[in-house]
Amino acid sequence: MSNAYPSHVFKICSEQEWSNATRFGTYTGSSDDHRDGFIHLSTAAQLPETAAKHFHGQDNLVLISLSTSALGAQLKWEPSRGGALFPHLYSALDPEIADDVRRLALDADGIPQIPNDILTMASQTRVDPTA
């Protein structure tokens, strides 16, 4: 994988979905993922907008950190929102490869809050398909 891609990508899902994934040994995605044929992921820079747009008002969410190298060739970078490249996983996800899983708190407006260390990551990485 090119150096132009971040070392980690992220998935937001419900605690229940992730609990089921760890119990059964696989995460096949949300209903939106099933509809679209891949698991939607985000870079650190994309997380705040993803959280606000798709998870507003939803409690009991977790943020899963995944190494892009562990995801392998099934991870594709494809244009989405405004032409930005988003990471899409074209396979089920083995919960064992998660580097970190954190519960997300909602702010006063009901938006899931991304941890500061991950937001810091956002300013240090970019997605450049030409590199």
Foldseek 3Di string as FASTA:
>chain_A
DDPQADFKKKDKDAPVQVVVCQVVQWRQEDPVCVVVQWHFIAALLCVQVCQVPPPFQPARMKMWIAGPVVLPPQWDFFQDVVGHTTTTGNDIDGSVRTPDMGGFDADPRRGTDDDPVSNVVNVVHHHDPVD
